[in-house]
Amino acid sequence: HLRERLPGRRIVVFDRELGAHASSIPEPENLVLGEIRETASRFIGIDAALVHADIGTGYDDRDAVTSTWLPDLIARLLRVGGIAVSGTPLDHPLLQPLPPPPSVPPDRYFVCRRV
């Protein structure tokens, strides 16, 4: 649905493995498979307008580890003014927390703007 709403914008998809329906698979140059912590580092400085990182597991101990590296990675991917949406908190000096939409339950998603 992002492609429908943002025609003409480059959308790079990161995933551990390909499991999407054939109609949802992006072009090969916009599909990056592997562990996001390793693969996304090749895109630092891309000046992304939006980063959606729904990689939380629901296990507090695992998500705590993700929270040690994900906020910095997102801050380095986003352009100034870019927006990040994550399933885990994004505590970073360059990421300003924003309120999620009213329809989103508390602590389900975290929204930030790159300052």
PDB file of N, CA and C in Angstrom:
ATOM      1  N   HIS A   1       0.807  -1.198   0.000  1.00  0.00           N
ATOM      2  CA  HIS A   1       0.000   0.000   0.000  1.00  0.00           C
ATOM      3  C   HIS A   1       0.851   1.264   0.000  1.00  0.00           C
ATOM      4  N   LEU A   2       2.113   1.178   0.427  1.00  0.00           N
ATOM      5  CA  LEU A   2       2.973   2.356   0.341  1.00  0.00           C
ATOM      6  C   LEU A   2       3.225   2.747  -1.110  1.00  0.00           C
ATOM      7  N   ARG A   3       3.410   1.762  -1.976  1.00  0.00           N
ATOM      8  CA  ARG A   3       3.623   2.079  -3.392  1.00  0.00           C
ATOM      9  C   ARG A   3       2.407   2.768  -4.002  1.00  0.00           C
ATOM     10  N   GLU A   4       1.222   2.369  -3.573  1.00  0.00           N
ATOM     11  CA  GLU A   4       0.000   2.996  -4.089  1.00  0.00           C
ATOM     12  C   GLU A   4      -0.123   4.439  -3.611  1.00  0.00           C
ATOM     13  N   ARG A   5       0.258   4.687  -2.365  1.00  0.00           N
ATOM     14  CA  ARG A   5       0.115   6.025  -1.786  1.00  0.00           C
ATOM     15  C   ARG A   5       1.289   6.949  -2.105  1.00  0.00           C
ATOM     16  N   LEU A   6       2.432   6.359  -2.452  1.00  0.00           N
ATOM     17  CA  LEU A   6       3.635   7.153  -2.720  1.00  0.00           C
ATOM     18  C   LEU A   6       4.222   6.803  -4.087  1.00  0.00           C
ATOM     19  N   PRO A   7       3.442   6.970  -5.147  1.00  0.00           N
ATOM     20  CA  PRO A   7       3.958   6.618  -6.471  1.00  0.00           C
ATOM     21  C   PRO A   7       5.175   7.465  -6.826  1.00  0.00           C
ATOM     22  N   GLY A   8       6.134   6.844  -7.460  1.00  0.00           N
ATOM     23  CA  GLY A   8       7.331   7.558  -7.864  1.00  0.00           C
ATOM     24  C   GLY A   8       8.400   7.651  -6.796  1.00  0.00           C
ATOM     25  N   ARG A   9       8.122   7.207  -5.582  1.00  0.00           N
ATOM     26  CA  ARG A   9       9.121   7.237  -4.502  1.00  0.00           C
ATOM     27  C   ARG A   9       9.829   5.895  -4.429  1.00  0.00           C
ATOM     28  N   ARG A  10      11.105   5.916  -4.147  1.00  0.00           N
ATOM     29  CA  ARG A  10      11.842   4.668  -3.961  1.00  0.00           C
ATOM     30  C   ARG A  10      11.499   4.100  -2.597  1.00  0.00           C
ATOM     31  N   ILE A  11      11.138   2.833  -2.569  1.00  0.00           N
ATOM     32  CA  ILE A  11      10.831   2.139  -1.331  1.00  0.00           C
ATOM     33  C   ILE A  11      11.754   0.932  -1.262  1.00  0.00           C
ATOM     34  N   VAL A  12      12.645   0.928  -0.274  1.00  0.00           N
ATOM     35  CA  VAL A  12      13.580  -0.169  -0.073  1.00  0.00           C
ATOM     36  C   VAL A  12      13.030  -1.038   1.046  1.00  0.00           C
ATOM     37  N   VAL A  13      12.942  -2.329   0.781  1.00  0.00           N
ATOM     38  CA  VAL A  13      12.378  -3.276   1.733  1.00  0.00           C
ATOM     39  C   VAL A  13      13.493  -4.142   2.304  1.00  0.00           C
ATOM     40  N   PHE A  14      13.549  -4.214   3.623  1.00  0.00           N
ATOM     41  CA  PHE A  14      14.501  -5.075   4.324  1.00  0.00           C
ATOM     42  C   PHE A  14      13.719  -6.188   4.992  1.00  0.00           C
ATOM     43  N   ASP A  15      14.151  -7.412   4.826  1.00  0.00           N
ATOM     44  CA  ASP A  15      13.499  -8.533   5.491  1.00  0.00           C
ATOM     45  C   ASP A  15      14.525  -9.645   5.680  1.00  0.00           C
ATOM     46  N   ARG A  16      14.259 -10.502   6.655  1.00  0.00           N
ATOM     47  CA  ARG A  16      15.183 -11.618   6.900  1.00  0.00           C
ATOM     48  C   ARG A  16      15.190 -12.601   5.749  1.00  0.00           C
ATOM     49  N   GLU A  17      13.990 -12.880   5.223  1.00  0.00           N
ATOM     50  CA  GLU A  17      13.870 -13.800   4.095  1.00  0.00           C
ATOM     51  C   GLU A  17      12.636 -13.425   3.298  1.00  0.00           C
ATOM     52  N   LEU A  18      12.606 -13.847   2.055  1.00  0.00           N
ATOM     53  CA  LEU A  18      11.495 -13.521   1.183  1.00  0.00           C
ATOM     54  C   LEU A  18      10.316 -14.424   1.493  1.00  0.00           C
ATOM     55  N   GLY A  19       9.198 -13.809   1.864  1.00  0.00           N
ATOM     56  CA  GLY A  19       8.004 -14.582   2.178  1.00  0.00           C
ATOM     57  C   GLY A  19       6.738 -13.868   1.740  1.00  0.00           C
ATOM     58  N   ALA A  20       6.881 -12.769   1.020  1.00  0.00           N
ATOM     59  CA  ALA A  20       5.733 -11.973   0.608  1.00  0.00           C
ATOM     60  C   ALA A  20       5.030 -12.595  -0.592  1.00  0.00           C
ATOM     61  N   HIS A  21       3.789 -12.210  -0.773  1.00  0.00           N
ATOM     62  CA  HIS A  21       3.036 -12.601  -1.962  1.00  0.00           C
ATOM     63  C   HIS A  21       3.739 -12.008  -3.182  1.00  0.00           C
ATOM     64  N   ALA A  22       3.716 -12.706  -4.290  1.00  0.00           N
ATOM     65  CA  ALA A  22       4.422 -12.288  -5.509  1.00  0.00           C
ATOM     66  C   ALA A  22       4.061 -10.858  -5.921  1.00  0.00           C
ATOM     67  N   SER A  23       2.826 -10.443  -5.698  1.00  0.00           N
ATOM     68  CA  SER A  23       2.417  -9.091  -6.092  1.00  0.00           C
ATOM     69  C   SER A  23       3.025  -8.004  -5.204  1.00  0.00           C
ATOM     70  N   SER A  24       3.595  -8.394  -4.071  1.00  0.00           N
ATOM     71  CA  SER A  24       4.162  -7.426  -3.135  1.00  0.00           C
ATOM     72  C   SER A  24       5.682  -7.376  -3.154  1.00  0.00           C
ATOM     73  N   ILE A  25       6.307  -8.199  -3.957  1.00  0.00           N
ATOM     74  CA  ILE A  25       7.769  -8.255  -3.979  1.00  0.00           C
ATOM     75  C   ILE A  25       8.312  -7.084  -4.789  1.00  0.00           C
ATOM     76  N   PRO A  26       9.198  -6.283  -4.187  1.00  0.00           N
ATOM     77  CA  PRO A  26       9.764  -5.152  -4.930  1.00  0.00           C
ATOM     78  C   PRO A  26      10.806  -5.609  -5.949  1.00  0.00           C
ATOM     79  N   GLU A  27      11.258  -4.668  -6.745  1.00  0.00           N
ATOM     80  CA  GLU A  27      12.314  -4.936  -7.701  1.00  0.00           C
ATOM     81  C   GLU A  27      13.554  -5.410  -6.949  1.00  0.00           C
ATOM     82  N   PRO A  28      14.396  -6.235  -7.584  1.00  0.00           N
ATOM     83  CA  PRO A  28      15.579  -6.780  -6.890  1.00  0.00           C
ATOM     84  C   PRO A  28      16.472  -5.706  -6.268  1.00  0.00           C
ATOM     85  N   GLU A  29      16.615  -4.557  -6.920  1.00  0.00           N
ATOM     86  CA  GLU A  29      17.489  -3.508  -6.375  1.00  0.00           C
ATOM     87  C   GLU A  29      16.885  -2.820  -5.149  1.00  0.00           C
ATOM     88  N   ASN A  30      15.602  -3.086  -4.870  1.00  0.00           N
ATOM     89  CA  ASN A  30      14.936  -2.496  -3.717  1.00  0.00           C
ATOM     90  C   ASN A  30      14.540  -3.522  -2.661  1.00  0.00           C
ATOM     91  N   LEU A  31      15.109  -4.716  -2.770  1.00  0.00           N
ATOM     92  CA  LEU A  31      14.863  -5.780  -1.796  1.00  0.00           C
ATOM     93  C   LEU A  31      16.193  -6.194  -1.187  1.00  0.00           C
ATOM     94  N   VAL A  32      16.295  -6.061   0.131  1.00  0.00           N
ATOM     95  CA  VAL A  32      17.524  -6.385   0.844  1.00  0.00           C
ATOM     96  C   VAL A  32      17.190  -7.474   1.851  1.00  0.00           C
ATOM     97  N   LEU A  33      17.759  -8.663   1.654  1.00  0.00           N
ATOM     98  CA  LEU A  33      17.477  -9.792   2.541  1.00  0.00           C
ATOM     99  C   LEU A  33      18.634 -10.028   3.497  1.00  0.00           C
ATOM    100  N   GLY A  34      18.297 -10.409   4.722  1.00  0.00           N
ATOM    101  CA  GLY A  34      19.299 -10.694   5.739  1.00  0.00           C
ATOM    102  C   GLY A  34      18.935  -9.999   7.040  1.00  0.00           C
ATOM    103  N   GLU A  35      19.842 -10.029   7.982  1.00  0.00           N
ATOM    104  CA  GLU A  35      19.627  -9.389   9.280  1.00  0.00           C
ATOM    105  C   GLU A  35      19.742  -7.875   9.122  1.00  0.00           C
ATOM    106  N   ILE A  36      18.713  -7.150   9.505  1.00  0.00           N
ATOM    107  CA  ILE A  36      18.653  -5.711   9.262  1.00  0.00           C
ATOM    108  C   ILE A  36      19.832  -4.965   9.895  1.00  0.00           C
ATOM    109  N   ARG A  37      20.293  -5.421  11.031  1.00  0.00           N
ATOM    110  CA  ARG A  37      21.416  -4.730  11.682  1.00  0.00           C
ATOM    111  C   ARG A  37      22.632  -4.706  10.777  1.00  0.00           C
ATOM    112  N   GLU A  38      22.820  -5.749   9.989  1.00  0.00           N
ATOM    113  CA  GLU A  38      23.971  -5.834   9.090  1.00  0.00           C
ATOM    114  C   GLU A  38      23.662  -5.244   7.716  1.00  0.00           C
ATOM    115  N   THR A  39      22.514  -5.568   7.150  1.00  0.00           N
ATOM    116  CA  THR A  39      22.225  -5.151   5.785  1.00  0.00           C
ATOM    117  C   THR A  39      21.918  -3.663   5.675  1.00  0.00           C
ATOM    118  N   ALA A  40      21.221  -3.092   6.644  1.00  0.00           N
ATOM    119  CA  ALA A  40      20.831  -1.680   6.566  1.00  0.00           C
ATOM    120  C   ALA A  40      22.027  -0.755   6.710  1.00  0.00           C
ATOM    121  N   SER A  41      23.087  -1.215   7.330  1.00  0.00           N
ATOM    122  CA  SER A  41      24.255  -0.346   7.508  1.00  0.00           C
ATOM    123  C   SER A  41      24.846   0.084   6.166  1.00  0.00           C
ATOM    124  N   ARG A  42      24.577  -0.675   5.106  1.00  0.00           N
ATOM    125  CA  ARG A  42      25.064  -0.289   3.765  1.00  0.00           C
ATOM    126  C   ARG A  42      24.298   0.912   3.223  1.00  0.00           C
ATOM    127  N   PHE A  43      23.171   1.279   3.858  1.00  0.00           N
ATOM    128  CA  PHE A  43      22.329   2.364   3.378  1.00  0.00           C
ATOM    129  C   PHE A  43      22.426   3.613   4.250  1.00  0.00           C
ATOM    130  N   ILE A  44      23.356   3.635   5.196  1.00  0.00           N
ATOM    131  CA  ILE A  44      23.525   4.808   6.057  1.00  0.00           C
ATOM    132  C   ILE A  44      23.818   6.017   5.176  1.00  0.00           C
ATOM    133  N   GLY A  45      23.124   7.094   5.455  1.00  0.00           N
ATOM    134  CA  GLY A  45      23.287   8.308   4.672  1.00  0.00           C
ATOM    135  C   GLY A  45      22.356   8.389   3.480  1.00  0.00           C
ATOM    136  N   ILE A  46      21.431   7.456   3.340  1.00  0.00           N
ATOM    137  CA  ILE A  46      20.516   7.451   2.200  1.00  0.00           C
ATOM    138  C   ILE A  46      19.508   8.602   2.277  1.00  0.00           C
ATOM    139  N   ASP A  47      19.391   9.241   3.431  1.00  0.00           N
ATOM    140  CA  ASP A  47      18.447  10.338   3.642  1.00  0.00           C
ATOM    141  C   ASP A  47      17.005   9.908   3.400  1.00  0.00           C
ATOM    142  N   ALA A  48      16.620   8.844   4.076  1.00  0.00           N
ATOM    143  CA  ALA A  48      15.266   8.312   3.947  1.00  0.00           C
ATOM    144  C   ALA A  48      14.251   9.292   4.522  1.00  0.00           C
ATOM    145  N   ALA A  49      13.099   9.386   3.877  1.00  0.00           N
ATOM    146  CA  ALA A  49      12.000  10.210   4.372  1.00  0.00           C
ATOM    147  C   ALA A  49      11.212   9.466   5.435  1.00  0.00           C
ATOM    148  N   LEU A  50      11.166   8.125   5.323  1.00  0.00           N
ATOM    149  CA  LEU A  50      10.405   7.298   6.251  1.00  0.00           C
ATOM    150  C   LEU A  50      11.150   5.992   6.486  1.00  0.00           C
ATOM    151  N   VAL A  51      11.254   5.611   7.741  1.00  0.00           N
ATOM    152  CA  VAL A  51      11.761   4.289   8.109  1.00  0.00           C
ATOM    153  C   VAL A  51      10.701   3.633   8.972  1.00  0.00           C
ATOM    154  N   HIS A  52      10.229   2.478   8.544  1.00  0.00           N
ATOM    155  CA  HIS A  52       9.269   1.698   9.324  1.00  0.00           C
ATOM    156  C   HIS A  52       9.985   0.429   9.746  1.00  0.00           C
ATOM    157  N   ALA A  53      10.244   0.300  11.033  1.00  0.00           N
ATOM    158  CA  ALA A  53      10.992  -0.838  11.558  1.00  0.00           C
ATOM    159  C   ALA A  53      10.130  -1.593  12.553  1.00  0.00           C
ATOM    160  N   ASP A  54       9.305  -2.458  12.049  1.00  0.00           N
ATOM    161  CA  ASP A  54       8.434  -3.258  12.908  1.00  0.00           C
ATOM    162  C   ASP A  54       9.113  -4.599  13.144  1.00  0.00           C
ATOM    163  N   ILE A  55      10.203  -4.558  13.894  1.00  0.00           N
ATOM    164  CA  ILE A  55      10.998  -5.771  14.100  1.00  0.00           C
ATOM    165  C   ILE A  55      10.990  -6.228  15.553  1.00  0.00           C
ATOM    166  N   GLY A  56      10.102  -5.655  16.352  1.00  0.00           N
ATOM    167  CA  GLY A  56       9.971  -6.110  17.734  1.00  0.00           C
ATOM    168  C   GLY A  56       9.445  -7.536  17.784  1.00  0.00           C
ATOM    169  N   THR A  57       9.829  -8.253  18.812  1.00  0.00           N
ATOM    170  CA  THR A  57       9.431  -9.653  18.933  1.00  0.00           C
ATOM    171  C   THR A  57       8.333  -9.880  19.967  1.00  0.00           C
ATOM    172  N   GLY A  58       8.142  -8.903  20.863  1.00  0.00           N
ATOM    173  CA  GLY A  58       7.204  -9.093  21.961  1.00  0.00           C
ATOM    174  C   GLY A  58       7.857  -9.717  23.179  1.00  0.00           C
ATOM    175  N   TYR A  59       9.126 -10.094  23.049  1.00  0.00           N
ATOM    176  CA  TYR A  59       9.898 -10.622  24.178  1.00  0.00           C
ATOM    177  C   TYR A  59      10.779  -9.488  24.692  1.00  0.00           C
ATOM    178  N   ASP A  60      10.542  -9.078  25.934  1.00  0.00           N
ATOM    179  CA  ASP A  60      11.247  -7.918  26.482  1.00  0.00           C
ATOM    180  C   ASP A  60      12.761  -8.053  26.410  1.00  0.00           C
ATOM    181  N   ASP A  61      13.301  -9.237  26.688  1.00  0.00           N
ATOM    182  CA  ASP A  61      14.753  -9.397  26.696  1.00  0.00           C
ATOM    183  C   ASP A  61      15.332  -9.240  25.281  1.00  0.00           C
ATOM    184  N   ARG A  62      14.679  -9.804  24.279  1.00  0.00           N
ATOM    185  CA  ARG A  62      15.158  -9.675  22.897  1.00  0.00           C
ATOM    186  C   ARG A  62      15.011  -8.246  22.394  1.00  0.00           C
ATOM    187  N   ASP A  63      13.872  -7.642  22.697  1.00  0.00           N
ATOM    188  CA  ASP A  63      13.642  -6.279  22.240  1.00  0.00           C
ATOM    189  C   ASP A  63      14.574  -5.285  22.923  1.00  0.00           C
ATOM    190  N   ALA A  64      14.984  -5.569  24.143  1.00  0.00           N
ATOM    191  CA  ALA A  64      15.948  -4.704  24.831  1.00  0.00           C
ATOM    192  C   ALA A  64      17.280  -4.697  24.090  1.00  0.00           C
ATOM    193  N   VAL A  65      17.677  -5.835  23.549  1.00  0.00           N
ATOM    194  CA  VAL A  65      18.921  -5.896  22.762  1.00  0.00           C
ATOM    195  C   VAL A  65      18.762  -5.081  21.486  1.00  0.00           C
ATOM    196  N   THR A  66      17.640  -5.235  20.807  1.00  0.00           N
ATOM    197  CA  THR A  66      17.381  -4.467  19.579  1.00  0.00           C
ATOM    198  C   THR A  66      17.428  -2.974  19.867  1.00  0.00           C
ATOM    199  N   SER A  67      16.907  -2.575  21.017  1.00  0.00           N
ATOM    200  CA  SER A  67      16.878  -1.155  21.381  1.00  0.00           C
ATOM    201  C   SER A  67      18.263  -0.576  21.627  1.00  0.00           C
ATOM    202  N   THR A  68      19.295  -1.421  21.731  1.00  0.00           N
ATOM    203  CA  THR A  68      20.650  -0.904  21.911  1.00  0.00           C
ATOM    204  C   THR A  68      21.269  -0.448  20.597  1.00  0.00           C
ATOM    205  N   TRP A  69      20.792  -0.948  19.455  1.00  0.00           N
ATOM    206  CA  TRP A  69      21.393  -0.579  18.166  1.00  0.00           C
ATOM    207  C   TRP A  69      20.406   0.043  17.178  1.00  0.00           C
ATOM    208  N   LEU A  70      19.112  -0.265  17.266  1.00  0.00           N
ATOM    209  CA  LEU A  70      18.151   0.210  16.272  1.00  0.00           C
ATOM    210  C   LEU A  70      17.992   1.733  16.248  1.00  0.00           C
ATOM    211  N   PRO A  71      17.868   2.426  17.378  1.00  0.00           N
ATOM    212  CA  PRO A  71      17.690   3.875  17.309  1.00  0.00           C
ATOM    213  C   PRO A  71      18.821   4.589  16.574  1.00  0.00           C
ATOM    214  N   ASP A  72      20.061   4.191  16.814  1.00  0.00           N
ATOM    215  CA  ASP A  72      21.188   4.834  16.129  1.00  0.00           C
ATOM    216  C   ASP A  72      21.159   4.539  14.634  1.00  0.00           C
ATOM    217  N   LEU A  73      20.844   3.312  14.275  1.00  0.00           N
ATOM    218  CA  LEU A  73      20.754   2.956  12.858  1.00  0.00           C
ATOM    219  C   LEU A  73      19.680   3.799  12.179  1.00  0.00           C
ATOM    220  N   ILE A  74      18.515   3.905  12.792  1.00  0.00           N
ATOM    221  CA  ILE A  74      17.434   4.689  12.201  1.00  0.00           C
ATOM    222  C   ILE A  74      17.827   6.153  12.072  1.00  0.00           C
ATOM    223  N   ALA A  75      18.452   6.718  13.100  1.00  0.00           N
ATOM    224  CA  ALA A  75      18.876   8.121  13.046  1.00  0.00           C
ATOM    225  C   ALA A  75      19.846   8.343  11.884  1.00  0.00           C
ATOM    226  N   ARG A  76      20.676   7.369  11.588  1.00  0.00           N
ATOM    227  CA  ARG A  76      21.664   7.499  10.514  1.00  0.00           C
ATOM    228  C   ARG A  76      21.067   7.238   9.128  1.00  0.00           C
ATOM    229  N   LEU A  77      19.905   6.610   9.065  1.00  0.00           N
ATOM    230  CA  LEU A  77      19.226   6.379   7.787  1.00  0.00           C
ATOM    231  C   LEU A  77      18.336   7.559   7.384  1.00  0.00           C
ATOM    232  N   LEU A  78      17.732   8.207   8.367  1.00  0.00           N
ATOM    233  CA  LEU A  78      16.752   9.263   8.099  1.00  0.00           C
ATOM    234  C   LEU A  78      17.385  10.584   7.709  1.00  0.00           C
ATOM    235  N   ARG A  79      16.670  11.324   6.867  1.00  0.00           N
ATOM    236  CA  ARG A  79      17.031  12.713   6.592  1.00  0.00           C
ATOM    237  C   ARG A  79      16.484  13.574   7.731  1.00  0.00           C
ATOM    238  N   VAL A  80      16.995  14.773   7.885  1.00  0.00           N
ATOM    239  CA  VAL A  80      16.453  15.702   8.870  1.00  0.00           C
ATOM    240  C   VAL A  80      14.989  15.944   8.506  1.00  0.00           C
ATOM    241  N   GLY A  81      14.113  15.798   9.477  1.00  0.00           N
ATOM    242  CA  GLY A  81      12.681  15.934   9.265  1.00  0.00           C
ATOM    243  C   GLY A  81      11.998  14.624   8.899  1.00  0.00           C
ATOM    244  N   GLY A  82      12.791  13.568   8.622  1.00  0.00           N
ATOM    245  CA  GLY A  82      12.240  12.259   8.294  1.00  0.00           C
ATOM    246  C   GLY A  82      11.540  11.645   9.493  1.00  0.00           C
ATOM    247  N   ILE A  83      10.648  10.720   9.212  1.00  0.00           N
ATOM    248  CA  ILE A  83       9.825  10.092  10.241  1.00  0.00           C
ATOM    249  C   ILE A  83      10.199   8.622  10.384  1.00  0.00           C
ATOM    250  N   ALA A  84      10.234   8.160  11.625  1.00  0.00           N
ATOM    251  CA  ALA A  84      10.453   6.747  11.921  1.00  0.00           C
ATOM    252  C   ALA A  84       9.264   6.211  12.697  1.00  0.00           C
ATOM    253  N   VAL A  85       8.870   5.007  12.350  1.00  0.00           N
ATOM    254  CA  VAL A  85       7.824   4.286  13.067  1.00  0.00           C
ATOM    255  C   VAL A  85       8.416   2.937  13.432  1.00  0.00           C
ATOM    256  N   SER A  86       8.323   2.582  14.703  1.00  0.00           N
ATOM    257  CA  SER A  86       8.959   1.355  15.173  1.00  0.00           C
ATOM    258  C   SER A  86       8.075   0.653  16.196  1.00  0.00           C
ATOM    259  N   GLY A  87       8.215  -0.652  16.240  1.00  0.00           N
ATOM    260  CA  GLY A  87       7.530  -1.434  17.256  1.00  0.00           C
ATOM    261  C   GLY A  87       8.286  -1.457  18.574  1.00  0.00           C
ATOM    262  N   THR A  88       9.490  -0.904  18.587  1.00  0.00           N
ATOM    263  CA  THR A  88      10.280  -0.790  19.815  1.00  0.00           C
ATOM    264  C   THR A  88      10.626   0.684  20.026  1.00  0.00           C
ATOM    265  N   PRO A  89      10.850   1.105  21.268  1.00  0.00           N
ATOM    266  CA  PRO A  89      11.174   2.504  21.539  1.00  0.00           C
ATOM    267  C   PRO A  89      12.429   2.955  20.802  1.00  0.00           C
ATOM    268  N   LEU A  90      12.456   4.234  20.448  1.00  0.00           N
ATOM    269  CA  LEU A  90      13.574   4.814  19.703  1.00  0.00           C
ATOM    270  C   LEU A  90      14.186   5.951  20.507  1.00  0.00           C
ATOM    271  N   ASP A  91      14.953   5.601  21.509  1.00  0.00           N
ATOM    272  CA  ASP A  91      15.579   6.585  22.385  1.00  0.00           C
ATOM    273  C   ASP A  91      16.929   6.984  21.792  1.00  0.00           C
ATOM    274  N   HIS A  92      16.985   8.193  21.226  1.00  0.00           N
ATOM    275  CA  HIS A  92      18.214   8.689  20.589  1.00  0.00           C
ATOM    276  C   HIS A  92      18.143  10.210  20.580  1.00  0.00           C
ATOM    277  N   PRO A  93      19.267  10.902  20.812  1.00  0.00           N
ATOM    278  CA  PRO A  93      19.230  12.365  20.866  1.00  0.00           C
ATOM    279  C   PRO A  93      18.785  13.028  19.557  1.00  0.00           C
ATOM    280  N   LEU A  94      18.917  12.361  18.424  1.00  0.00           N
ATOM    281  CA  LEU A  94      18.511  12.940  17.145  1.00  0.00           C
ATOM    282  C   LEU A  94      17.080  12.563  16.742  1.00  0.00           C
ATOM    283  N   LEU A  95      16.402  11.784  17.588  1.00  0.00           N
ATOM    284  CA  LEU A  95      15.035  11.355  17.290  1.00  0.00           C
ATOM    285  C   LEU A  95      14.075  11.960  18.302  1.00  0.00           C
ATOM    286  N   GLN A  96      13.219  12.835  17.812  1.00  0.00           N
ATOM    287  CA  GLN A  96      12.243  13.518  18.661  1.00  0.00           C
ATOM    288  C   GLN A  96      10.948  12.709  18.686  1.00  0.00           C
ATOM    289  N   PRO A  97      10.528  12.238  19.860  1.00  0.00           N
ATOM    290  CA  PRO A  97       9.282  11.461  19.936  1.00  0.00           C
ATOM    291  C   PRO A  97       8.070  12.287  19.503  1.00  0.00           C
ATOM    292  N   LEU A  98       7.176  11.633  18.775  1.00  0.00           N
ATOM    293  CA  LEU A  98       5.906  12.221  18.359  1.00  0.00           C
ATOM    294  C   LEU A  98       4.781  11.325  18.867  1.00  0.00           C
ATOM    295  N   PRO A  99       3.606  11.882  19.075  1.00  0.00           N
ATOM    296  CA  PRO A  99       2.497  11.023  19.501  1.00  0.00           C
ATOM    297  C   PRO A  99       2.033  10.145  18.343  1.00  0.00           C
ATOM    298  N   PRO A 100       1.725   8.901  18.624  1.00  0.00           N
ATOM    299  CA  PRO A 100       1.167   8.050  17.553  1.00  0.00           C
ATOM    300  C   PRO A 100      -0.270   8.484  17.265  1.00  0.00           C
ATOM    301  N   PRO A 101      -0.826   8.045  16.148  1.00  0.00           N
ATOM    302  CA  PRO A 101      -2.233   8.356  15.876  1.00  0.00           C
ATOM    303  C   PRO A 101      -3.122   7.871  17.015  1.00  0.00           C
ATOM    304  N   PRO A 102      -4.239   8.538  17.263  1.00  0.00           N
ATOM    305  CA  PRO A 102      -5.124   8.170  18.382  1.00  0.00           C
ATOM    306  C   PRO A 102      -5.629   6.731  18.322  1.00  0.00           C
ATOM    307  N   SER A 103      -5.691   6.149  17.133  1.00  0.00           N
ATOM    308  CA  SER A 103      -6.208   4.788  16.996  1.00  0.00           C
ATOM    309  C   SER A 103      -5.190   3.724  17.396  1.00  0.00           C
ATOM    310  N   VAL A 104      -3.936   4.121  17.636  1.00  0.00           N
ATOM    311  CA  VAL A 104      -2.879   3.163  17.976  1.00  0.00           C
ATOM    312  C   VAL A 104      -2.806   3.013  19.495  1.00  0.00           C
ATOM    313  N   PRO A 105      -2.904   1.780  19.996  1.00  0.00           N
ATOM    314  CA  PRO A 105      -2.811   1.571  21.448  1.00  0.00           C
ATOM    315  C   PRO A 105      -1.453   2.042  21.994  1.00  0.00           C
ATOM    316  N   PRO A 106      -1.425   2.530  23.239  1.00  0.00           N
ATOM    317  CA  PRO A 106      -0.164   2.974  23.844  1.00  0.00           C
ATOM    318  C   PRO A 106       0.900   1.883  23.801  1.00  0.00           C
ATOM    319  N   ASP A 107       2.122   2.293  23.487  1.00  0.00           N
ATOM    320  CA  ASP A 107       3.299   1.419  23.447  1.00  0.00           C
ATOM    321  C   ASP A 107       3.221   0.331  22.375  1.00  0.00           C
ATOM    322  N   ARG A 108       2.304   0.450  21.415  1.00  0.00           N
ATOM    323  CA  ARG A 108       2.273  -0.508  20.299  1.00  0.00           C
ATOM    324  C   ARG A 108       3.248  -0.079  19.206  1.00  0.00           C
ATOM    325  N   TYR A 109       3.241   1.218  18.888  1.00  0.00           N
ATOM    326  CA  TYR A 109       4.187   1.790  17.932  1.00  0.00           C
ATOM    327  C   TYR A 109       4.763   3.061  18.514  1.00  0.00           C
ATOM    328  N   PHE A 110       5.977   3.356  18.125  1.00  0.00           N
ATOM    329  CA  PHE A 110       6.672   4.551  18.560  1.00  0.00           C
ATOM    330  C   PHE A 110       7.011   5.365  17.313  1.00  0.00           C
ATOM    331  N   VAL A 111       6.677   6.649  17.347  1.00  0.00           N
ATOM    332  CA  VAL A 111       6.868   7.518  16.191  1.00  0.00           C
ATOM    333  C   VAL A 111       7.852   8.616  16.580  1.00  0.00           C
ATOM    334  N   CYS A 112       8.798   8.895  15.690  1.00  0.00           N
ATOM    335  CA  CYS A 112       9.805   9.927  15.943  1.00  0.00           C
ATOM    336  C   CYS A 112      10.092  10.707  14.667  1.00  0.00           C
ATOM    337  N   ARG A 113      10.609  11.920  14.854  1.00  0.00           N
ATOM    338  CA  ARG A 113      11.086  12.743  13.745  1.00  0.00           C
ATOM    339  C   ARG A 113      12.580  12.980  13.943  1.00  0.00           C
ATOM    340  N   ARG A 114      13.338  12.893  12.865  1.00  0.00           N
ATOM    341  CA  ARG A 114      14.793  13.159  12.917  1.00  0.00           C
ATOM    342  C   ARG A 114      15.006  14.659  12.983  1.00  0.00           C
ATOM    343  N   VAL A 115      15.705  15.108  14.017  1.00  0.00           N
ATOM    344  CA  VAL A 115      15.996  16.545  14.186  1.00  0.00           C
ATOM    345  C   VAL A 115      17.415  16.854  13.757  1.00  0.00           C
TER     346      VAL A 115
END
